[in-house]
Every structure is written in C-alpha cells, then in structure tokens.
Amino acid sequence: MIPPSELPINADGSVFHLHLRPEHLAERVILVGDPGRVNTVASFFDSVECDIQSREFHTITGSYKGKRISCVSTGIGCDNIDIVMTELDALVNIDLEQRQFKEEHTTLTLVRVGTCGGIQPFTPLGSFIASVKSIGFDGLLNYYEGRDEVCDLALEEAFCKHMKWSTKKGAPYVAVADKELIDRVAADDMVRGITVSCGGFYGPQGRFVRLIPQDYEQNLKVESFSYIDPLNPDAAPLEICNFEMESSAVAGMSALLGHKAMTCCMVVANRYTMEMDTEYKNTIENLITLVLDRI
C-alpha cells in the first residue's frame, strides 16, 4: 500500500497536482509546456470530453480523427516533468482507491511538442527537431534506481570527456527516446539528433546577461560534439542539434515507468546565427497537426 505522504490523492479522487481522475486520461498524450498551448492543440479536436486546470497543469481530453487524445501542460523544466510523469503513470497503473499497483501494466504513448534553440547551421528558425537521445543537465534521473539500464552510458562518458565536465554541476545522463515512436512521428521531415535538456534558460544554456556562465566555452564544445554509436558504427554520427528544458526527463522517466515517449520541437532561436523568432506561436500549429496525425 502506498502511503498518502508518498502519493497524495485529493478528496475527489484525483491525483494531487494534475487534479485528474483515471477516466480523464487518454492513452495517447501530447505534452506541452505552456498551459495556453493546450487550447491550441484542443482547437483541432473533433470533440472535447473534459477541460481541467490546476496551477500550470492544464489538461484537455478529446477526440481527433477517431483517436482519443489528452493534451497536458507541464510548465517549464524537468522538475515539473517528474510530477507530471509520476502522476500520469499513477492514473493508469495504480488503483488510487486501494493505493496498490495494478496487476496489468498500461503503456502510455507520450509526445512532447515544444520549442527549442537550435545550435547548428542546419537547424534554422522553423526547423522541426526530433530528440533521438537527450542529455539531461538537470540530474533528475540520477535520483532513481535503474537509471543506468535506460541510459546510453557510452554516450554519457564520451560527452563528459569532450566537455571536460565539472563535477560541481552534477552528472549528466543520456535518455533514449522510443525508436518506434521516433520513426512514426519524425518520419522523413524532421531533423533527428541529440538534444541537451538544461536546468534553466540563461546560464545553463550558456547565455551571458549580467552573470557569466561557469563554462563560458560550453556552447562551442556542445556544437562540436559528434558521436558514433559503437553498436551501429556504419550510421552517420549523431550531433547535438538543440537546447530545451524537458526532453531528457520525458524520455528517461517514461523508460523507467514502461511508457513510450519522445520529444519534437520547433526551433524558435538559433544560437549559432544569434537569431530569435518571438512570434513563433503563429507557426507552431504546423508541428501540432503533424503530431496529432502521427501519434
């Protein structure tokens, strides 16, 4: 039995932060950061079952071309993904009344749709990037047993060596997206590569404002990193394509919990060319409809 202190349940039977009950959640889930973007995704639904909001967590479940889909906002950061993934899993794999694991496991399919900063000349503004592997600077997965079994340890080692990684920042981890989902959603019209998930928008992503980043050459080293998978030596080397703030936790937590997950983002800033599109909300609908069709 899971004690109330470990998994809080509200008086109405909903999970603590999301305020969802099991009947509110579809097995196909689109994750977005901005609560307002949930309405944008749901505007394409043919019908809506429920619309629930608590803090930064906004959920709309409905139907799209015969598919039952939930869109859930997470807010910003991997710490929020820890909350969202734990509670989404609890909705399908824990009997909330008895506070016990269900005998039969339910697998969710999750696609995070977001925005990111491209860091290569081949990731201009408006590009769609699918995160095949995600390097987590946040350290979240290191708090969970079994992280080594779901991470690419060889890539972790190569990356830390290339970066001359400071142990003061904690150990990065490399989470791997679900291959079948990547092939289905990314298809042949998204850039595939490595994503870095940062624990902040400014210093952790190497931005200089008034504070100077600890490693002022970080982004140059990130841009130059290239990795050949020893298990697939004939494949093209993987490069780090972008910065964002959630994909490592989405892929890592999902793998630990037995779900299928991936992240695809639209480039709204290019750190290589120093460009930024602040009006991206007018064009991200193209990415949303692609994911809705393919999830």
Protein backbone atom coordinates (compact mmCIF):
# COMPACT_ATOMS: atom_id res chain seq x y z
CA MET A 1 0.00 0.00 0.00
CA ILE A 2 1.34 3.42 -1.00
CA PRO A 3 1.06 5.87 1.95
CA PRO A 4 -0.73 9.22 1.45
CA SER A 5 2.52 11.08 2.07
CA GLU A 6 4.14 9.35 -0.95
CA LEU A 7 1.24 9.72 -3.40
CA PRO A 8 -1.22 12.42 -2.30
CA ILE A 9 -4.78 11.96 -3.58
CA ASN A 10 -7.34 14.77 -3.47
CA ALA A 11 -10.73 14.36 -1.81
CA ASP A 12 -12.42 13.97 -5.22
CA GLY A 13 -10.15 11.00 -6.10
CA SER A 14 -7.86 12.99 -8.40
CA VAL A 15 -4.06 12.98 -8.31
CA PHE A 16 -2.62 15.83 -6.26
CA HIS A 17 -1.08 18.25 -8.78
CA LEU A 18 -2.85 17.46 -12.06
CA HIS A 19 -6.30 17.14 -10.48
CA LEU A 20 -7.11 14.33 -12.93
CA ARG A 21 -9.03 11.14 -12.24
CA PRO A 22 -8.31 7.97 -14.26
CA GLU A 23 -11.31 8.46 -16.54
CA HIS A 24 -9.95 11.86 -17.62
CA LEU A 25 -6.78 10.50 -19.26
CA ALA A 26 -6.37 9.01 -22.75
CA GLU A 27 -3.58 6.54 -23.52
CA ARG A 28 -2.24 8.92 -26.19
CA VAL A 29 -0.86 12.07 -24.57
CA ILE A 30 0.60 15.25 -26.03
CA LEU A 31 2.72 17.20 -23.55
CA VAL A 32 3.23 20.95 -23.94
CA GLY A 33 4.96 23.44 -21.68
CA ASP A 34 2.63 26.43 -21.96
CA PRO A 35 -0.84 25.96 -20.37
CA GLY A 36 -2.23 28.23 -23.08
CA ARG A 37 -0.97 25.90 -25.80
CA VAL A 38 -3.34 23.19 -24.58
CA ASN A 39 -6.19 25.24 -26.03
CA THR A 40 -4.31 25.49 -29.32
CA VAL A 41 -3.91 21.70 -29.53
CA ALA A 42 -7.53 21.12 -28.48
CA SER A 43 -8.77 23.53 -31.14
CA PHE A 44 -8.08 20.73 -33.65
CA PHE A 45 -10.11 18.14 -31.68
CA ASP A 46 -13.40 16.99 -33.14
CA SER A 47 -14.92 16.82 -29.65
CA VAL A 48 -13.89 17.56 -26.04
CA GLU A 49 -14.59 15.36 -23.00
CA CYS A 50 -13.02 17.37 -20.19
CA ASP A 51 -11.08 20.56 -19.52
CA ILE A 52 -9.27 20.68 -16.17
CA GLN A 53 -6.73 23.22 -14.89
CA SER A 54 -4.65 23.38 -11.71
CA ARG A 55 -1.66 25.72 -11.37
CA GLU A 56 0.41 25.35 -14.52
CA PHE A 57 -1.11 21.94 -15.26
CA HIS A 58 -3.89 22.19 -17.85
CA THR A 59 -5.49 19.11 -19.41
CA ILE A 60 -7.99 18.76 -22.22
CA THR A 61 -9.03 15.29 -23.40
CA GLY A 62 -10.94 14.82 -26.61
CA SER A 63 -11.15 13.06 -29.96
CA TYR A 64 -9.13 13.74 -33.11
CA LYS A 65 -9.91 11.76 -36.28
CA GLY A 66 -11.19 8.86 -34.20
CA LYS A 67 -8.26 8.88 -31.74
CA ARG A 68 -8.80 9.68 -28.06
CA ILE A 69 -6.03 12.11 -27.05
CA SER A 70 -5.16 14.08 -23.92
CA CYS A 71 -3.12 17.27 -24.07
CA VAL A 72 -1.39 18.10 -20.77
CA SER A 73 0.72 21.17 -19.98
CA THR A 74 3.76 20.66 -17.77
CA GLY A 75 5.08 24.15 -17.23
CA ILE A 76 8.81 24.70 -17.66
CA GLY A 77 11.57 22.35 -16.53
CA CYS A 78 12.44 18.74 -15.78
CA ASP A 79 11.34 19.08 -12.15
CA ASN A 80 7.77 19.54 -13.39
CA ILE A 81 8.14 16.52 -15.68
CA ASP A 82 8.91 14.45 -12.58
CA ILE A 83 5.50 15.48 -11.20
CA VAL A 84 3.60 15.03 -14.45
CA MET A 85 5.08 11.64 -15.39
CA THR A 86 4.65 10.19 -11.90
CA GLU A 87 1.01 11.27 -11.70
CA LEU A 88 0.12 10.26 -15.27
CA ASP A 89 1.56 6.81 -14.60
CA ALA A 90 -0.34 6.59 -11.32
CA LEU A 91 -3.61 7.28 -13.14
CA VAL A 92 -3.23 4.15 -15.28
CA ASN A 93 -1.05 1.81 -13.23
CA ILE A 94 -2.13 2.37 -9.62
CA ASP A 95 -5.52 1.63 -8.06
CA LEU A 96 -5.97 5.03 -6.42
CA GLU A 97 -8.69 3.81 -4.04
CA GLN A 98 -6.71 0.81 -2.78
CA ARG A 99 -3.33 2.59 -3.21
CA GLN A 100 -1.84 -0.53 -4.79
CA PHE A 101 -0.13 -1.35 -8.07
CA LYS A 102 -2.42 -2.79 -10.72
CA GLU A 103 -1.59 -6.32 -11.88
CA GLU A 104 -1.75 -5.35 -15.57
CA HIS A 105 0.55 -2.58 -16.80
CA THR A 106 -0.84 0.09 -19.15
CA THR A 107 1.60 1.74 -21.55
CA LEU A 108 1.06 5.38 -22.40
CA THR A 109 2.26 6.95 -25.66
CA LEU A 110 3.59 10.45 -25.00
CA VAL A 111 4.90 13.08 -27.38
CA ARG A 112 6.22 16.37 -26.07
CA VAL A 113 5.62 19.23 -28.52
CA GLY A 114 7.65 22.30 -27.69
CA THR A 115 10.08 24.96 -28.75
CA CYS A 116 13.85 24.97 -28.61
CA GLY A 117 17.05 26.74 -29.53
CA GLY A 118 18.91 25.29 -32.49
CA ILE A 119 22.69 25.29 -32.24
CA GLN A 120 23.76 24.12 -35.69
CA PRO A 121 23.77 25.80 -39.12
CA PHE A 122 21.42 23.03 -40.33
CA THR A 123 18.77 23.89 -37.69
CA PRO A 124 17.47 27.29 -38.86
CA LEU A 125 14.42 29.03 -37.43
CA GLY A 126 11.29 26.99 -38.05
CA SER A 127 13.05 23.61 -38.21
CA PHE A 128 11.41 20.61 -36.53
CA ILE A 129 13.82 18.53 -34.41
CA ALA A 130 13.11 15.05 -33.03
CA SER A 131 15.18 14.19 -29.96
CA VAL A 132 16.59 10.69 -30.53
CA LYS A 133 18.72 10.98 -27.39
CA SER A 134 18.57 13.67 -24.73
CA ILE A 135 21.41 14.75 -22.45
CA GLY A 136 19.98 15.86 -19.12
CA PHE A 137 21.92 18.61 -17.36
CA ASP A 138 19.23 18.64 -14.65
CA GLY A 139 20.25 15.42 -12.86
CA LEU A 140 16.65 14.24 -12.33
CA LEU A 141 17.12 10.63 -13.44
CA ASN A 142 20.09 10.22 -11.10
CA TYR A 143 17.62 10.16 -8.19
CA TYR A 144 16.02 6.94 -9.45
CA GLU A 145 17.20 3.36 -9.23
CA GLY A 146 17.61 1.75 -12.63
CA ARG A 147 18.76 4.88 -14.46
CA ASP A 148 21.79 3.04 -15.88
CA GLU A 149 19.55 0.44 -17.51
CA VAL A 150 17.64 3.06 -19.55
CA CYS A 151 20.52 5.44 -20.37
CA ASP A 152 23.21 5.44 -23.04
CA LEU A 153 26.24 5.15 -20.75
CA ALA A 154 28.80 5.16 -23.58
CA LEU A 155 27.46 8.48 -24.87
CA GLU A 156 27.46 9.88 -21.32
CA GLU A 157 31.15 9.01 -20.97
CA ALA A 158 32.10 10.42 -24.37
CA PHE A 159 30.18 13.64 -23.74
CA CYS A 160 31.68 14.26 -20.29
CA LYS A 161 35.18 13.66 -21.66
CA HIS A 162 34.59 16.03 -24.59
CA MET A 163 33.16 18.75 -22.35
CA LYS A 164 35.72 18.34 -19.54
CA TRP A 165 32.62 18.25 -17.36
CA SER A 166 32.81 19.85 -13.92
CA THR A 167 31.58 17.54 -11.16
CA LYS A 168 30.25 20.61 -9.33
CA LYS A 169 27.35 20.63 -11.80
CA GLY A 170 26.31 17.03 -11.13
CA ALA A 171 26.40 14.10 -13.52
CA PRO A 172 24.57 14.44 -16.84
CA TYR A 173 22.52 11.48 -18.07
CA VAL A 174 21.53 10.40 -21.58
CA ALA A 175 17.92 9.28 -22.00
CA VAL A 176 16.82 7.46 -25.16
CA ALA A 177 13.51 8.07 -26.93
CA ASP A 178 11.29 5.20 -28.08
CA LYS A 179 12.57 4.13 -31.52
CA GLU A 180 9.22 3.08 -32.99
CA LEU A 181 7.66 6.36 -31.91
CA ILE A 182 10.56 8.38 -33.33
CA ASP A 183 10.24 6.60 -36.69
CA ARG A 184 6.46 7.14 -36.78
CA VAL A 185 6.31 10.77 -35.67
CA ALA A 186 9.57 12.15 -37.07
CA ALA A 187 9.10 10.27 -40.35
CA ASP A 188 11.31 11.84 -43.03
CA ASP A 189 10.59 15.52 -42.45
CA MET A 190 12.18 16.22 -39.06
CA VAL A 191 15.84 16.63 -38.15
CA ARG A 192 16.93 13.78 -35.86
CA GLY A 193 19.71 14.26 -33.34
CA ILE A 194 20.81 14.74 -29.76
CA THR A 195 19.11 17.31 -27.55
CA VAL A 196 20.50 18.93 -24.41
CA SER A 197 17.92 19.50 -21.67
CA CYS A 198 19.05 22.31 -19.40
CA GLY A 199 18.11 23.21 -15.84
CA GLY A 200 17.50 26.83 -16.79
CA PHE A 201 17.11 29.21 -19.71
CA TYR A 202 20.03 31.59 -19.18
CA GLY A 203 23.28 30.38 -17.54
CA PRO A 204 22.62 26.64 -18.05
CA GLN A 205 22.19 27.30 -21.78
CA GLY A 206 25.35 29.40 -21.91
CA ARG A 207 23.65 32.78 -22.14
CA PHE A 208 25.57 35.87 -20.99
CA VAL A 209 23.40 38.56 -19.41
CA ARG A 210 24.80 40.00 -16.16
CA LEU A 211 26.03 36.69 -14.80
CA ILE A 212 28.84 34.82 -16.54
CA PRO A 213 28.34 31.06 -17.09
CA GLN A 214 30.75 28.78 -15.22
CA ASP A 215 32.00 27.35 -18.53
CA TYR A 216 32.00 30.25 -20.98
CA GLU A 217 33.04 27.89 -23.82
CA GLN A 218 30.20 25.45 -23.11
CA ASN A 219 28.20 26.12 -26.26
CA LEU A 220 31.23 25.90 -28.56
CA LYS A 221 32.04 22.49 -27.10
CA VAL A 222 28.41 21.36 -27.35
CA GLU A 223 28.24 22.43 -31.01
CA SER A 224 31.39 20.48 -31.87
CA PHE A 225 30.38 17.22 -30.16
CA SER A 226 29.87 14.28 -32.52
CA TYR A 227 29.10 10.71 -31.54
CA ILE A 228 29.29 7.43 -33.45
CA ASP A 229 27.22 4.72 -31.78
CA PRO A 230 29.54 1.71 -31.23
CA LEU A 231 26.51 -0.58 -31.70
CA ASN A 232 25.83 1.00 -35.11
CA PRO A 233 29.23 2.12 -36.45
CA ASP A 234 28.03 2.46 -40.06
CA ALA A 235 25.38 5.03 -39.20
CA ALA A 236 26.00 8.74 -39.59
CA PRO A 237 27.43 10.41 -36.46
CA LEU A 238 24.89 12.00 -34.13
CA GLU A 239 25.33 15.69 -33.38
CA ILE A 240 23.76 17.88 -30.71
CA CYS A 241 21.08 19.87 -32.51
CA ASN A 242 19.32 21.91 -29.85
CA PHE A 243 18.79 23.13 -26.30
CA GLU A 244 15.48 22.83 -24.47
CA MET A 245 14.40 22.04 -20.91
CA GLU A 246 12.27 18.87 -20.69
CA SER A 247 13.07 16.11 -23.22
CA SER A 248 15.57 14.16 -21.07
CA ALA A 249 13.10 13.80 -18.22
CA VAL A 250 10.24 12.86 -20.57
CA ALA A 251 12.28 10.09 -22.22
CA GLY A 252 14.02 8.93 -19.04
CA MET A 253 11.00 8.83 -16.73
CA SER A 254 8.92 7.14 -19.44
CA ALA A 255 11.53 4.45 -19.99
CA LEU A 256 11.75 3.74 -16.25
CA LEU A 257 7.95 3.56 -15.96
CA GLY A 258 7.43 1.44 -19.08
CA HIS A 259 5.91 4.06 -21.40
CA LYS A 260 6.73 5.14 -24.97
CA ALA A 261 7.87 8.74 -25.30
CA MET A 262 9.67 11.24 -27.48
CA THR A 263 10.09 14.98 -27.93
CA CYS A 264 9.84 17.08 -31.07
CA CYS A 265 10.43 20.81 -31.02
CA MET A 266 10.30 23.75 -33.38
CA VAL A 267 13.40 25.94 -33.49
CA VAL A 268 12.48 29.48 -32.37
CA ALA A 269 16.04 30.63 -31.67
CA ASN A 270 19.29 29.75 -33.36
CA ARG A 271 22.26 30.23 -31.10
CA TYR A 272 24.68 29.65 -33.99
CA THR A 273 23.32 32.56 -36.04
CA MET A 274 22.10 34.56 -33.00
CA GLU A 275 18.54 34.80 -34.37
CA MET A 276 15.23 34.65 -32.44
CA ASP A 277 11.59 34.45 -33.52
CA THR A 278 9.34 35.79 -30.74
CA GLU A 279 6.22 35.36 -32.90
CA TYR A 280 6.61 31.58 -33.22
CA LYS A 281 3.12 30.93 -31.78
CA ASN A 282 1.72 31.72 -35.21
CA THR A 283 3.60 28.84 -36.87
CA ILE A 284 3.86 26.05 -34.27
CA GLU A 285 0.41 24.83 -35.32
CA ASN A 286 2.11 23.06 -38.24
CA LEU A 287 4.08 20.90 -35.81
CA ILE A 288 0.99 20.29 -33.66
CA THR A 289 -1.05 18.97 -36.57
CA LEU A 290 1.80 16.70 -37.70
CA VAL A 291 1.97 15.14 -34.24
CA LEU A 292 -1.81 14.79 -33.97
CA ASP A 293 -1.86 12.91 -37.27
CA ARG A 294 1.03 10.61 -36.34
CA ILE A 295 0.69 9.89 -32.60
